[in-house]
Amino acid sequence: TVLTQKSAHRARVTWWSAPVSHETVTNIGKSVHGTVNDTCCAILSGALAKYLERMEGKRFRSHLKCIIPVSVRSKKESHQLNNRVGALFLKLPVGAATPLRRLKLCKQRMDMLKLGPSVPVTMLFIRLTTKLLNNWLCNWLQQSYSSKATLIFSNVMGSPTEATFLGARVSGIMGFVPLPGHMLQRID
């Protein structure tokens, strides 16, 4: 696809939509017993489907494998400011024919990640590799792992409370996900 070409990292594409309330996004997810994350994954899949169709001139009929950061903090660590994040593969249903089908597939695939062994196995793997292997091997593993996906996607919500920095009110922060390995695309 145009997303995997070497020149893709030079293209900067920004799409804005009309604002959508958090309540609306939540209700869309609830319509299939899903979450805000499920809805965001479905919206991203639809946006990528439109983009790929526009760029390639035909409907994309498959999925795109992306990496999603997942918090692996235990319940008692949930309020700590530490960086306990694993990276899991998710097949975005870009080729799904309808928005409802995309939403249902996103919910199903996210549930498989959350309820299956992926998170604990990934965390164990990260702990073992970072403790037992030297930096060169860890970097090689990261490159190898990230080369299996087309993009990395995160929809981490900002702080729900007002924040200040050096006495000034912070009205918003634009975070981003660092690109692992030689990955070309990031969606924040």
C-alpha atoms as a PDB file:
ATOM      1  CA  THR A   1       0.000   0.000   0.000  1.00  0.00           C
ATOM      2  CA  VAL A   2       0.994   3.647  -0.139  1.00  0.00           C
ATOM      3  CA  LEU A   3       1.505   3.400   3.632  1.00  0.00           C
ATOM      4  CA  THR A   4       4.408   0.967   3.304  1.00  0.00           C
ATOM      5  CA  GLN A   5       6.356   2.698   0.545  1.00  0.00           C
ATOM      6  CA  LYS A   6       9.737   4.147   1.504  1.00  0.00           C
ATOM      7  CA  SER A   7       8.588   7.673   0.662  1.00  0.00           C
ATOM      8  CA  ALA A   8       5.531   7.386   2.953  1.00  0.00           C
ATOM      9  CA  HIS A   9       7.369   8.811   5.957  1.00  0.00           C
ATOM     10  CA  ARG A  10       7.914  12.079   4.083  1.00  0.00           C
ATOM     11  CA  ALA A  11       4.206  12.612   3.431  1.00  0.00           C
ATOM     12  CA  ARG A  12       2.386  14.402   6.205  1.00  0.00           C
ATOM     13  CA  VAL A  13      -1.339  13.865   6.093  1.00  0.00           C
ATOM     14  CA  THR A  14      -3.646  15.588   8.532  1.00  0.00           C
ATOM     15  CA  TRP A  15      -7.369  15.049   8.567  1.00  0.00           C
ATOM     16  CA  TRP A  16      -9.730  16.948  10.764  1.00  0.00           C
ATOM     17  CA  SER A  17     -13.352  16.181  11.279  1.00  0.00           C
ATOM     18  CA  ALA A  18     -16.110  18.069  12.977  1.00  0.00           C
ATOM     19  CA  PRO A  19     -15.751  17.728  16.753  1.00  0.00           C
ATOM     20  CA  VAL A  20     -17.418  14.666  18.238  1.00  0.00           C
ATOM     21  CA  SER A  21     -18.268  14.577  21.924  1.00  0.00           C
ATOM     22  CA  HIS A  22     -16.813  11.936  24.214  1.00  0.00           C
ATOM     23  CA  GLU A  23     -20.397  10.948  25.054  1.00  0.00           C
ATOM     24  CA  THR A  24     -21.140  10.243  21.377  1.00  0.00           C
ATOM     25  CA  VAL A  25     -18.003   8.130  20.980  1.00  0.00           C
ATOM     26  CA  THR A  26     -18.862   6.255  24.188  1.00  0.00           C
ATOM     27  CA  ASN A  27     -22.429   5.597  23.009  1.00  0.00           C
ATOM     28  CA  ILE A  28     -21.231   4.304  19.634  1.00  0.00           C
ATOM     29  CA  GLY A  29     -19.036   1.784  21.453  1.00  0.00           C
ATOM     30  CA  LYS A  30     -21.835   0.826  23.843  1.00  0.00           C
ATOM     31  CA  SER A  31     -24.083   0.014  20.866  1.00  0.00           C
ATOM     32  CA  VAL A  32     -22.014  -3.179  20.434  1.00  0.00           C
ATOM     33  CA  HIS A  33     -21.080  -3.530  24.142  1.00  0.00           C
ATOM     34  CA  GLY A  34     -17.733  -1.980  23.269  1.00  0.00           C
ATOM     35  CA  THR A  35     -15.492   0.789  24.523  1.00  0.00           C
ATOM     36  CA  VAL A  36     -14.150   4.154  23.417  1.00  0.00           C
ATOM     37  CA  ASN A  37     -11.011   2.326  22.213  1.00  0.00           C
ATOM     38  CA  ASP A  38     -13.117   0.016  20.036  1.00  0.00           C
ATOM     39  CA  THR A  39     -14.841   3.042  18.523  1.00  0.00           C
ATOM     40  CA  CYS A  40     -11.556   4.873  17.894  1.00  0.00           C
ATOM     41  CA  CYS A  41     -10.098   1.787  16.186  1.00  0.00           C
ATOM     42  CA  ALA A  42     -13.187   1.538  13.956  1.00  0.00           C
ATOM     43  CA  ILE A  43     -13.017   5.252  13.093  1.00  0.00           C
ATOM     44  CA  LEU A  44      -9.318   4.928  12.253  1.00  0.00           C
ATOM     45  CA  SER A  45     -10.039   1.869  10.101  1.00  0.00           C
ATOM     46  CA  GLY A  46     -12.678   3.800   8.180  1.00  0.00           C
ATOM     47  CA  ALA A  47     -10.407   6.806   7.695  1.00  0.00           C
ATOM     48  CA  LEU A  48      -7.591   4.569   6.439  1.00  0.00           C
ATOM     49  CA  ALA A  49     -10.020   2.795   4.081  1.00  0.00           C
ATOM     50  CA  LYS A  50     -11.037   6.149   2.561  1.00  0.00           C
ATOM     51  CA  TYR A  51      -7.425   7.330   2.337  1.00  0.00           C
ATOM     52  CA  LEU A  52      -6.208   4.118   0.676  1.00  0.00           C
ATOM     53  CA  GLU A  53      -9.125   4.135  -1.771  1.00  0.00           C
ATOM     54  CA  ARG A  54      -8.382   7.754  -2.684  1.00  0.00           C
ATOM     55  CA  MET A  55      -4.641   7.108  -3.111  1.00  0.00           C
ATOM     56  CA  GLU A  56      -4.818   3.722  -4.861  1.00  0.00           C
ATOM     57  CA  GLY A  57      -8.041   4.138  -6.818  1.00  0.00           C
ATOM     58  CA  LYS A  58      -9.722   0.992  -5.505  1.00  0.00           C
ATOM     59  CA  ARG A  59     -11.274  -0.292  -2.301  1.00  0.00           C
ATOM     60  CA  PHE A  60      -8.828  -1.909   0.111  1.00  0.00           C
ATOM     61  CA  ARG A  61     -10.207  -5.364   0.952  1.00  0.00           C
ATOM     62  CA  SER A  62      -7.934  -6.569   3.716  1.00  0.00           C
ATOM     63  CA  HIS A  63      -6.688  -5.522   7.138  1.00  0.00           C
ATOM     64  CA  LEU A  64      -3.664  -3.507   8.224  1.00  0.00           C
ATOM     65  CA  LYS A  65      -1.578  -4.795  11.070  1.00  0.00           C
ATOM     66  CA  CYS A  66      -0.805  -2.060  13.560  1.00  0.00           C
ATOM     67  CA  ILE A  67       0.946  -1.902  16.893  1.00  0.00           C
ATOM     68  CA  ILE A  68      -1.034  -0.513  19.791  1.00  0.00           C
ATOM     69  CA  PRO A  69       0.549   0.478  23.099  1.00  0.00           C
ATOM     70  CA  VAL A  70      -1.192  -1.210  26.033  1.00  0.00           C
ATOM     71  CA  SER A  71      -0.774  -0.362  29.705  1.00  0.00           C
ATOM     72  CA  VAL A  72       0.470  -3.371  31.645  1.00  0.00           C
ATOM     73  CA  ARG A  73       0.257  -1.796  35.098  1.00  0.00           C
ATOM     74  CA  SER A  74      -1.333  -3.836  37.838  1.00  0.00           C
ATOM     75  CA  LYS A  75      -4.367  -2.388  39.651  1.00  0.00           C
ATOM     76  CA  LYS A  76      -2.210  -1.258  42.576  1.00  0.00           C
ATOM     77  CA  GLU A  77       0.186   0.508  40.161  1.00  0.00           C
ATOM     78  CA  SER A  78      -2.602   2.338  38.298  1.00  0.00           C
ATOM     79  CA  HIS A  79      -1.887   5.719  39.936  1.00  0.00           C
ATOM     80  CA  GLN A  80       1.902   5.559  39.633  1.00  0.00           C
ATOM     81  CA  LEU A  81       3.708   7.605  37.019  1.00  0.00           C
ATOM     82  CA  ASN A  82       5.725   4.841  35.441  1.00  0.00           C
ATOM     83  CA  ASN A  83       6.103   3.698  31.873  1.00  0.00           C
ATOM     84  CA  ARG A  84       4.723   0.161  31.990  1.00  0.00           C
ATOM     85  CA  VAL A  85       3.585  -0.267  28.415  1.00  0.00           C
ATOM     86  CA  GLY A  86       3.591  -3.268  26.131  1.00  0.00           C
ATOM     87  CA  ALA A  87       3.092  -3.215  22.373  1.00  0.00           C
ATOM     88  CA  LEU A  88       0.602  -5.608  20.826  1.00  0.00           C
ATOM     89  CA  PHE A  89      -0.451  -6.302  17.249  1.00  0.00           C
ATOM     90  CA  LEU A  90      -3.993  -5.456  16.177  1.00  0.00           C
ATOM     91  CA  LYS A  91      -5.440  -6.167  12.745  1.00  0.00           C
ATOM     92  CA  LEU A  92      -7.400  -3.038  11.806  1.00  0.00           C
ATOM     93  CA  PRO A  93     -10.414  -4.098   9.701  1.00  0.00           C
ATOM     94  CA  VAL A  94      -9.764  -1.517   6.986  1.00  0.00           C
ATOM     95  CA  GLY A  95     -11.396  -3.703   4.345  1.00  0.00           C
ATOM     96  CA  ALA A  96     -14.676  -4.194   6.232  1.00  0.00           C
ATOM     97  CA  ALA A  97     -17.609  -3.197   4.059  1.00  0.00           C
ATOM     98  CA  THR A  98     -19.591  -1.133   6.595  1.00  0.00           C
ATOM     99  CA  PRO A  99     -18.861   1.035   9.644  1.00  0.00           C
ATOM    100  CA  LEU A 100     -20.896  -1.321  11.861  1.00  0.00           C
ATOM    101  CA  ARG A 101     -18.889  -4.339  10.654  1.00  0.00           C
ATOM    102  CA  ARG A 102     -15.641  -2.435  11.348  1.00  0.00           C
ATOM    103  CA  LEU A 103     -16.841  -1.580  14.867  1.00  0.00           C
ATOM    104  CA  LYS A 104     -17.840  -5.180  15.626  1.00  0.00           C
ATOM    105  CA  LEU A 105     -14.513  -6.509  14.325  1.00  0.00           C
ATOM    106  CA  CYS A 106     -12.547  -3.942  16.339  1.00  0.00           C
ATOM    107  CA  LYS A 107     -14.442  -4.884  19.499  1.00  0.00           C
ATOM    108  CA  GLN A 108     -13.907  -8.601  18.868  1.00  0.00           C
ATOM    109  CA  ARG A 109     -10.185  -8.184  18.178  1.00  0.00           C
ATOM    110  CA  MET A 110      -9.595  -5.844  21.137  1.00  0.00           C
ATOM    111  CA  ASP A 111     -11.429  -8.294  23.424  1.00  0.00           C
ATOM    112  CA  MET A 112      -9.163 -11.096  22.211  1.00  0.00           C
ATOM    113  CA  LEU A 113      -6.122  -8.994  23.109  1.00  0.00           C
ATOM    114  CA  LYS A 114      -7.466  -7.983  26.533  1.00  0.00           C
ATOM    115  CA  LEU A 115      -8.833 -11.380  27.559  1.00  0.00           C
ATOM    116  CA  GLY A 116      -6.200 -13.597  25.983  1.00  0.00           C
ATOM    117  CA  PRO A 117      -2.626 -14.257  27.049  1.00  0.00           C
ATOM    118  CA  SER A 118      -1.134 -11.465  24.921  1.00  0.00           C
ATOM    119  CA  VAL A 119      -0.592  -8.857  27.656  1.00  0.00           C
ATOM    120  CA  PRO A 120       1.042 -11.110  30.295  1.00  0.00           C
ATOM    121  CA  VAL A 121       3.154 -12.918  27.698  1.00  0.00           C
ATOM    122  CA  THR A 122       4.313  -9.602  26.207  1.00  0.00           C
ATOM    123  CA  MET A 123       5.179  -8.218  29.638  1.00  0.00           C
ATOM    124  CA  LEU A 124       7.136 -11.346  30.552  1.00  0.00           C
ATOM    125  CA  PHE A 125       8.980 -11.171  27.223  1.00  0.00           C
ATOM    126  CA  ILE A 126       9.862  -7.494  27.768  1.00  0.00           C
ATOM    127  CA  ARG A 127      11.131  -8.137  31.293  1.00  0.00           C
ATOM    128  CA  LEU A 128      13.234 -11.114  30.248  1.00  0.00           C
ATOM    129  CA  THR A 129      14.768  -9.499  27.185  1.00  0.00           C
ATOM    130  CA  THR A 130      15.623  -6.218  28.902  1.00  0.00           C
ATOM    131  CA  LYS A 131      17.239  -8.006  31.851  1.00  0.00           C
ATOM    132  CA  LEU A 132      19.056 -10.779  29.984  1.00  0.00           C
ATOM    133  CA  LEU A 133      20.043  -9.367  26.598  1.00  0.00           C
ATOM    134  CA  ASN A 134      22.470  -6.625  25.682  1.00  0.00           C
ATOM    135  CA  ASN A 135      21.286  -3.393  24.008  1.00  0.00           C
ATOM    136  CA  TRP A 136      22.229  -4.504  20.509  1.00  0.00           C
ATOM    137  CA  LEU A 137      20.066  -7.632  20.735  1.00  0.00           C
ATOM    138  CA  CYS A 138      17.177  -5.681  22.306  1.00  0.00           C
ATOM    139  CA  ASN A 139      17.347  -3.154  19.449  1.00  0.00           C
ATOM    140  CA  TRP A 140      17.447  -5.959  16.889  1.00  0.00           C
ATOM    141  CA  LEU A 141      14.365  -7.588  18.460  1.00  0.00           C
ATOM    142  CA  GLN A 142      12.534  -4.249  18.449  1.00  0.00           C
ATOM    143  CA  GLN A 143      13.375  -3.712  14.762  1.00  0.00           C
ATOM    144  CA  SER A 144      12.224  -7.227  13.916  1.00  0.00           C
ATOM    145  CA  TYR A 145       8.984  -6.879  15.911  1.00  0.00           C
ATOM    146  CA  SER A 146       8.059  -3.459  14.521  1.00  0.00           C
ATOM    147  CA  SER A 147       8.762  -4.522  10.933  1.00  0.00           C
ATOM    148  CA  LYS A 148       5.740  -6.845  11.146  1.00  0.00           C
ATOM    149  CA  ALA A 149       3.298  -3.896  11.288  1.00  0.00           C
ATOM    150  CA  THR A 150       2.338  -1.025   8.989  1.00  0.00           C
ATOM    151  CA  LEU A 151       1.735   1.622  11.647  1.00  0.00           C
ATOM    152  CA  ILE A 152       1.515   2.363  15.341  1.00  0.00           C
ATOM    153  CA  PHE A 153      -1.692   3.791  16.774  1.00  0.00           C
ATOM    154  CA  SER A 154      -2.485   5.322  20.140  1.00  0.00           C
ATOM    155  CA  ASN A 155      -5.543   7.145  21.420  1.00  0.00           C
ATOM    156  CA  VAL A 156      -4.374   7.733  24.964  1.00  0.00           C
ATOM    157  CA  MET A 157      -6.589  10.348  26.553  1.00  0.00           C
ATOM    158  CA  GLY A 158      -5.055  13.352  28.252  1.00  0.00           C
ATOM    159  CA  SER A 159      -5.520  14.206  31.889  1.00  0.00           C
ATOM    160  CA  PRO A 160      -9.155  14.767  32.928  1.00  0.00           C
ATOM    161  CA  THR A 161      -8.051  17.378  35.470  1.00  0.00           C
ATOM    162  CA  GLU A 162      -6.651  20.838  34.943  1.00  0.00           C
ATOM    163  CA  ALA A 163      -2.869  20.992  35.075  1.00  0.00           C
ATOM    164  CA  THR A 164      -0.356  23.757  35.633  1.00  0.00           C
ATOM    165  CA  PHE A 165       3.286  24.065  34.711  1.00  0.00           C
ATOM    166  CA  LEU A 166       5.475  26.617  36.470  1.00  0.00           C
ATOM    167  CA  GLY A 167       2.322  28.395  37.609  1.00  0.00           C
ATOM    168  CA  ALA A 168       0.753  28.633  34.141  1.00  0.00           C
ATOM    169  CA  ARG A 169      -2.438  26.768  33.248  1.00  0.00           C
ATOM    170  CA  VAL A 170      -1.868  24.004  30.666  1.00  0.00           C
ATOM    171  CA  SER A 171      -4.762  24.026  28.223  1.00  0.00           C
ATOM    172  CA  GLY A 172      -3.653  20.999  26.241  1.00  0.00           C
ATOM    173  CA  ILE A 173      -0.765  18.717  25.446  1.00  0.00           C
ATOM    174  CA  MET A 174      -0.092  17.069  22.111  1.00  0.00           C
ATOM    175  CA  GLY A 175       1.529  13.750  22.859  1.00  0.00           C
ATOM    176  CA  PHE A 176       2.916  11.327  20.334  1.00  0.00           C
ATOM    177  CA  VAL A 177       3.961   7.724  20.153  1.00  0.00           C
ATOM    178  CA  PRO A 178       7.646   7.249  19.301  1.00  0.00           C
ATOM    179  CA  LEU A 179       8.203   5.165  16.193  1.00  0.00           C
ATOM    180  CA  PRO A 180       9.924   1.889  17.004  1.00  0.00           C
ATOM    181  CA  GLY A 181      12.435   0.377  14.618  1.00  0.00           C
ATOM    182  CA  HIS A 182      12.041   1.503  11.030  1.00  0.00           C
ATOM    183  CA  MET A 183       8.271   1.973  11.229  1.00  0.00           C
ATOM    184  CA  LEU A 184       7.074   4.618   8.771  1.00  0.00           C
ATOM    185  CA  GLN A 185       3.642   5.651  10.079  1.00  0.00           C
ATOM    186  CA  ARG A 186       2.284   6.868  13.386  1.00  0.00           C
ATOM    187  CA  ILE A 187      -1.297   7.852  14.218  1.00  0.00           C
ATOM    188  CA  ASP A 188      -1.865   9.677  17.514  1.00  0.00           C
END
